[in-house]
Amino acid sequence: MSWQASLGLRPTKQLGQNFVTDANTVRRIVAASGVTEHDIVLEVGPGLGSLTLGLLKLVRRVIAIEIDELLAAQLPHTVAARLPERAEALTRDQRRRAPSRRPARSRRLP
């Protein structure tokens, strides 16, 4: 059973989630990005951490911002389990989503 399935995760349209899980795709994205070992990368929406792991193999530090509470909590564990020697190079930031605001409705007074 996959990690994603064990946590009951499904990508949601509401959060615009799309989990990259193919290692070849991750390698191509990292290579195409042109980042080097001197770079600090800001990753918005790291999701399952596949791209995070690929980046951590190359760059100096990854700052990952995730609004999905479950994924944000799991990311440091994923990095520690798969790349323990680079766990200190991850900075996790869980941003709180602002409540949606509906425009105020005005009513005509008699």
C-alpha atoms as a PDB file:
ATOM      1  CA  MET A   1       0.000   0.000   0.000  1.00  0.00           C
ATOM      2  CA  SER A   2       1.376   3.433  -0.917  1.00  0.00           C
ATOM      3  CA  TRP A   3       2.029   6.187   1.610  1.00  0.00           C
ATOM      4  CA  GLN A   4      -0.634   8.296  -0.075  1.00  0.00           C
ATOM      5  CA  ALA A   5      -3.227   5.534   0.189  1.00  0.00           C
ATOM      6  CA  SER A   6      -2.305   4.690   3.782  1.00  0.00           C
ATOM      7  CA  LEU A   7      -3.137   8.247   4.833  1.00  0.00           C
ATOM      8  CA  GLY A   8      -6.317   8.292   2.745  1.00  0.00           C
ATOM      9  CA  LEU A   9      -5.030  11.138   0.603  1.00  0.00           C
ATOM     10  CA  ARG A  10      -6.667  12.211  -2.601  1.00  0.00           C
ATOM     11  CA  PRO A  11      -5.713  15.349  -4.487  1.00  0.00           C
ATOM     12  CA  THR A  12      -8.396  18.013  -4.098  1.00  0.00           C
ATOM     13  CA  LYS A  13      -9.412  20.517  -6.730  1.00  0.00           C
ATOM     14  CA  GLN A  14     -10.161  23.045  -4.004  1.00  0.00           C
ATOM     15  CA  LEU A  15      -6.457  23.197  -3.095  1.00  0.00           C
ATOM     16  CA  GLY A  16      -5.296  22.713  -6.695  1.00  0.00           C
ATOM     17  CA  GLN A  17      -3.415  19.563  -5.749  1.00  0.00           C
ATOM     18  CA  ASN A  18      -1.654  17.321  -8.241  1.00  0.00           C
ATOM     19  CA  PHE A  19       0.851  14.903  -6.714  1.00  0.00           C
ATOM     20  CA  VAL A  20       4.020  14.217  -8.716  1.00  0.00           C
ATOM     21  CA  THR A  21       5.082  10.665  -7.923  1.00  0.00           C
ATOM     22  CA  ASP A  22       7.129   9.581 -10.945  1.00  0.00           C
ATOM     23  CA  ALA A  23      10.870   9.713 -10.207  1.00  0.00           C
ATOM     24  CA  ASN A  24      11.762  10.416 -13.852  1.00  0.00           C
ATOM     25  CA  THR A  25       9.398  13.392 -13.918  1.00  0.00           C
ATOM     26  CA  VAL A  26      10.962  14.742 -10.725  1.00  0.00           C
ATOM     27  CA  ARG A  27      14.474  14.380 -12.189  1.00  0.00           C
ATOM     28  CA  ARG A  28      13.442  16.199 -15.372  1.00  0.00           C
ATOM     29  CA  ILE A  29      11.847  19.054 -13.418  1.00  0.00           C
ATOM     30  CA  VAL A  30      14.920  19.484 -11.203  1.00  0.00           C
ATOM     31  CA  ALA A  31      17.273  19.362 -14.206  1.00  0.00           C
ATOM     32  CA  ALA A  32      15.161  21.851 -16.191  1.00  0.00           C
ATOM     33  CA  SER A  33      15.021  24.263 -13.237  1.00  0.00           C
ATOM     34  CA  GLY A  34      18.722  25.024 -13.480  1.00  0.00           C
ATOM     35  CA  VAL A  35      19.180  25.164  -9.694  1.00  0.00           C
ATOM     36  CA  THR A  36      22.603  24.542  -8.183  1.00  0.00           C
ATOM     37  CA  GLU A  37      24.084  23.562  -4.842  1.00  0.00           C
ATOM     38  CA  HIS A  38      24.289  27.273  -3.942  1.00  0.00           C
ATOM     39  CA  ASP A  39      20.562  27.914  -4.331  1.00  0.00           C
ATOM     40  CA  ILE A  40      17.794  28.232  -1.773  1.00  0.00           C
ATOM     41  CA  VAL A  41      14.492  27.113  -3.297  1.00  0.00           C
ATOM     42  CA  LEU A  42      11.015  28.241  -2.261  1.00  0.00           C
ATOM     43  CA  GLU A  43       8.613  25.392  -2.999  1.00  0.00           C
ATOM     44  CA  VAL A  44       4.930  26.257  -2.804  1.00  0.00           C
ATOM     45  CA  GLY A  45       2.705  23.243  -2.264  1.00  0.00           C
ATOM     46  CA  PRO A  46       5.234  20.437  -1.825  1.00  0.00           C
ATOM     47  CA  GLY A  47       2.441  17.893  -1.413  1.00  0.00           C
ATOM     48  CA  LEU A  48       3.876  14.414  -0.851  1.00  0.00           C
ATOM     49  CA  GLY A  49       7.450  15.741  -1.038  1.00  0.00           C
ATOM     50  CA  SER A  50       8.593  14.042  -4.252  1.00  0.00           C
ATOM     51  CA  LEU A  51       9.967  17.239  -5.777  1.00  0.00           C
ATOM     52  CA  THR A  52      11.241  18.367  -2.366  1.00  0.00           C
ATOM     53  CA  LEU A  53      13.387  15.227  -2.131  1.00  0.00           C
ATOM     54  CA  GLY A  54      14.697  15.734  -5.652  1.00  0.00           C
ATOM     55  CA  LEU A  55      15.602  19.347  -4.896  1.00  0.00           C
ATOM     56  CA  LEU A  56      17.230  18.529  -1.552  1.00  0.00           C
ATOM     57  CA  LYS A  57      19.674  16.217  -3.337  1.00  0.00           C
ATOM     58  CA  LEU A  58      21.041  19.240  -5.171  1.00  0.00           C
ATOM     59  CA  VAL A  59      20.316  22.616  -3.545  1.00  0.00           C
ATOM     60  CA  ARG A  60      21.509  24.206  -0.323  1.00  0.00           C
ATOM     61  CA  ARG A  61      18.063  24.557   1.278  1.00  0.00           C
ATOM     62  CA  VAL A  62      14.378  24.129   0.448  1.00  0.00           C
ATOM     63  CA  ILE A  63      11.741  26.309   2.068  1.00  0.00           C
ATOM     64  CA  ALA A  64       8.457  24.449   1.634  1.00  0.00           C
ATOM     65  CA  ILE A  65       5.098  26.153   2.131  1.00  0.00           C
ATOM     66  CA  GLU A  66       2.113  23.815   2.421  1.00  0.00           C
ATOM     67  CA  ILE A  67      -1.453  24.716   3.430  1.00  0.00           C
ATOM     68  CA  ASP A  68      -2.757  21.154   3.660  1.00  0.00           C
ATOM     69  CA  GLU A  69      -2.314  20.360   7.362  1.00  0.00           C
ATOM     70  CA  LEU A  70      -1.848  16.614   6.891  1.00  0.00           C
ATOM     71  CA  LEU A  71       0.765  17.027   4.177  1.00  0.00           C
ATOM     72  CA  ALA A  72       2.556  19.806   6.061  1.00  0.00           C
ATOM     73  CA  ALA A  73       2.850  17.593   9.139  1.00  0.00           C
ATOM     74  CA  GLN A  74       4.093  14.593   7.126  1.00  0.00           C
ATOM     75  CA  LEU A  75       6.741  16.371   5.027  1.00  0.00           C
ATOM     76  CA  PRO A  76       9.513  16.504   7.675  1.00  0.00           C
ATOM     77  CA  HIS A  77       8.979  12.795   8.397  1.00  0.00           C
ATOM     78  CA  THR A  78       9.199  11.960   4.685  1.00  0.00           C
ATOM     79  CA  VAL A  79      12.469  13.858   4.328  1.00  0.00           C
ATOM     80  CA  ALA A  80      13.920  12.366   7.525  1.00  0.00           C
ATOM     81  CA  ALA A  81      13.046   8.837   6.376  1.00  0.00           C
ATOM     82  CA  ARG A  82      14.315   9.139   2.809  1.00  0.00           C
ATOM     83  CA  LEU A  83      17.110  11.715   3.038  1.00  0.00           C
ATOM     84  CA  PRO A  84      18.107  11.870   6.707  1.00  0.00           C
ATOM     85  CA  GLU A  85      21.420  13.530   5.894  1.00  0.00           C
ATOM     86  CA  ARG A  86      19.528  16.488   4.343  1.00  0.00           C
ATOM     87  CA  ALA A  87      16.665  16.811   6.856  1.00  0.00           C
ATOM     88  CA  GLU A  88      18.190  19.975   8.325  1.00  0.00           C
ATOM     89  CA  ALA A  89      18.068  21.632   4.883  1.00  0.00           C
ATOM     90  CA  LEU A  90      14.261  21.677   4.898  1.00  0.00           C
ATOM     91  CA  THR A  91      12.324  24.583   6.345  1.00  0.00           C
ATOM     92  CA  ARG A  92       8.611  23.834   6.568  1.00  0.00           C
ATOM     93  CA  ASP A  93       6.051  26.607   6.730  1.00  0.00           C
ATOM     94  CA  GLN A  94       2.384  25.794   7.138  1.00  0.00           C
ATOM     95  CA  ARG A  95       0.408  28.847   6.157  1.00  0.00           C
ATOM     96  CA  ARG A  96      -3.066  29.218   7.529  1.00  0.00           C
ATOM     97  CA  ARG A  97      -5.644  29.853   4.908  1.00  0.00           C
ATOM     98  CA  ALA A  98      -7.659  32.985   5.402  1.00  0.00           C
ATOM     99  CA  PRO A  99     -11.366  32.326   5.708  1.00  0.00           C
ATOM    100  CA  SER A 100     -13.186  32.981   2.477  1.00  0.00           C
ATOM    101  CA  ARG A 101     -14.867  36.314   2.451  1.00  0.00           C
ATOM    102  CA  ARG A 102     -18.072  36.875   0.632  1.00  0.00           C
ATOM    103  CA  PRO A 103     -18.915  40.366  -0.495  1.00  0.00           C
ATOM    104  CA  ALA A 104     -21.335  42.040   1.842  1.00  0.00           C
ATOM    105  CA  ARG A 105     -24.844  42.245   0.482  1.00  0.00           C
ATOM    106  CA  SER A 106     -26.553  45.544   0.645  1.00  0.00           C
ATOM    107  CA  ARG A 107     -30.261  45.950   0.961  1.00  0.00           C
ATOM    108  CA  ARG A 108     -32.279  48.907  -0.001  1.00  0.00           C
ATOM    109  CA  LEU A 109     -34.015  50.464   2.872  1.00  0.00           C
ATOM    110  CA  PRO A 110     -37.632  51.573   2.337  1.00  0.00           C
END
